[in-house]
Amino acid sequence: MSEIVGIARQKIHPDKLEEFKRLAAECMRSAREKDTGTLQDDFY
């Protein structure tokens, strides 16, 4: 089995935090539905 690891660092402006949370949840929902091989998603 092959493994791909990606790390992205982002600065989220305080006035955009809620928008980021919404978009992050949408991305995770899409990954669960369309990419059943995803082992882990983390946001810190």
N, C-alpha and C. Protein backbone atom coordinates (compact mmCIF):
# COMPACT_ATOMS: atom_id res chain seq x y z
N MET A 1 0.84 -1.18 0.00
CA MET A 1 0.00 0.00 0.00
C MET A 1 0.89 1.24 0.00
N SER A 2 0.56 2.22 -0.80
CA SER A 2 1.32 3.47 -0.81
C SER A 2 0.63 4.50 0.08
N GLU A 3 1.40 5.47 0.53
CA GLU A 3 0.87 6.48 1.43
C GLU A 3 1.32 7.85 0.96
N ILE A 4 0.43 8.80 0.98
CA ILE A 4 0.74 10.18 0.64
C ILE A 4 0.41 11.03 1.85
N VAL A 5 1.33 11.87 2.24
CA VAL A 5 1.12 12.76 3.37
C VAL A 5 1.30 14.18 2.87
N GLY A 6 0.36 15.05 3.19
CA GLY A 6 0.46 16.45 2.81
C GLY A 6 0.27 17.33 4.04
N ILE A 7 1.06 18.37 4.13
CA ILE A 7 0.96 19.31 5.24
C ILE A 7 0.85 20.71 4.67
N ALA A 8 -0.14 21.44 5.11
CA ALA A 8 -0.33 22.83 4.67
C ALA A 8 -0.44 23.72 5.90
N ARG A 9 0.23 24.83 5.86
CA ARG A 9 0.13 25.81 6.94
C ARG A 9 -0.58 27.03 6.38
N GLN A 10 -1.54 27.50 7.14
CA GLN A 10 -2.32 28.66 6.70
C GLN A 10 -2.48 29.63 7.84
N LYS A 11 -2.51 30.88 7.52
CA LYS A 11 -2.84 31.90 8.50
C LYS A 11 -4.30 32.28 8.27
N ILE A 12 -5.10 32.13 9.28
CA ILE A 12 -6.52 32.44 9.16
C ILE A 12 -6.78 33.76 9.89
N HIS A 13 -7.24 34.71 9.15
CA HIS A 13 -7.54 36.01 9.74
C HIS A 13 -8.73 35.86 10.69
N PRO A 14 -8.69 36.54 11.84
CA PRO A 14 -9.75 36.39 12.84
C PRO A 14 -11.16 36.60 12.29
N ASP A 15 -11.32 37.52 11.36
CA ASP A 15 -12.66 37.78 10.83
C ASP A 15 -13.10 36.72 9.81
N LYS A 16 -12.22 35.78 9.47
CA LYS A 16 -12.54 34.72 8.50
C LYS A 16 -12.60 33.34 9.16
N LEU A 17 -12.51 33.27 10.49
CA LEU A 17 -12.48 31.99 11.18
C LEU A 17 -13.74 31.15 10.93
N GLU A 18 -14.89 31.74 11.03
CA GLU A 18 -16.13 30.98 10.83
C GLU A 18 -16.24 30.45 9.40
N GLU A 19 -15.81 31.26 8.43
CA GLU A 19 -15.82 30.81 7.04
C GLU A 19 -14.86 29.62 6.87
N PHE A 20 -13.68 29.71 7.49
CA PHE A 20 -12.73 28.60 7.42
C PHE A 20 -13.32 27.33 8.02
N LYS A 21 -13.96 27.43 9.16
CA LYS A 21 -14.57 26.26 9.81
C LYS A 21 -15.61 25.63 8.91
N ARG A 22 -16.41 26.46 8.26
CA ARG A 22 -17.46 25.95 7.36
C ARG A 22 -16.83 25.23 6.17
N LEU A 23 -15.82 25.85 5.56
CA LEU A 23 -15.18 25.24 4.40
C LEU A 23 -14.41 23.97 4.77
N ALA A 24 -13.78 23.95 5.94
CA ALA A 24 -13.05 22.75 6.39
C ALA A 24 -14.03 21.60 6.60
N ALA A 25 -15.18 21.87 7.19
CA ALA A 25 -16.18 20.83 7.39
C ALA A 25 -16.70 20.31 6.06
N GLU A 26 -16.89 21.19 5.09
CA GLU A 26 -17.35 20.80 3.76
C GLU A 26 -16.31 19.90 3.08
N CYS A 27 -15.03 20.25 3.21
CA CYS A 27 -13.96 19.43 2.62
C CYS A 27 -13.91 18.05 3.26
N MET A 28 -14.03 17.98 4.56
CA MET A 28 -13.99 16.68 5.24
C MET A 28 -15.20 15.83 4.87
N ARG A 29 -16.36 16.44 4.76
CA ARG A 29 -17.57 15.72 4.37
C ARG A 29 -17.41 15.16 2.95
N SER A 30 -16.86 15.96 2.06
CA SER A 30 -16.65 15.52 0.69
C SER A 30 -15.64 14.36 0.63
N ALA A 31 -14.57 14.46 1.41
CA ALA A 31 -13.58 13.38 1.43
C ALA A 31 -14.19 12.08 1.94
N ARG A 32 -15.02 12.16 2.96
CA ARG A 32 -15.67 10.95 3.50
C ARG A 32 -16.56 10.28 2.45
N GLU A 33 -17.27 11.09 1.68
CA GLU A 33 -18.21 10.56 0.69
C GLU A 33 -17.51 10.06 -0.57
N LYS A 34 -16.48 10.76 -1.03
CA LYS A 34 -15.90 10.48 -2.34
C LYS A 34 -14.57 9.74 -2.28
N ASP A 35 -13.85 9.84 -1.18
CA ASP A 35 -12.54 9.20 -1.08
C ASP A 35 -12.52 8.29 0.13
N THR A 36 -13.09 7.13 -0.02
CA THR A 36 -13.24 6.21 1.11
C THR A 36 -11.91 5.65 1.58
N GLY A 37 -10.82 5.89 0.86
CA GLY A 37 -9.51 5.41 1.26
C GLY A 37 -8.75 6.39 2.16
N THR A 38 -9.32 7.55 2.42
CA THR A 38 -8.65 8.52 3.29
C THR A 38 -8.59 7.97 4.70
N LEU A 39 -7.39 7.94 5.26
CA LEU A 39 -7.21 7.38 6.60
C LEU A 39 -7.33 8.43 7.69
N GLN A 40 -6.94 9.68 7.39
CA GLN A 40 -6.93 10.68 8.45
C GLN A 40 -6.97 12.09 7.85
N ASP A 41 -7.75 12.95 8.47
CA ASP A 41 -7.77 14.40 8.19
C ASP A 41 -7.66 15.11 9.51
N ASP A 42 -6.77 16.04 9.62
CA ASP A 42 -6.61 16.81 10.86
C ASP A 42 -6.52 18.29 10.56
N PHE A 43 -7.14 19.08 11.40
CA PHE A 43 -7.01 20.54 11.36
C PHE A 43 -6.61 20.98 12.75
N TYR A 44 -5.52 21.77 12.85
CA TYR A 44 -5.07 22.27 14.15
C TYR A 44 -5.09 23.77 14.13
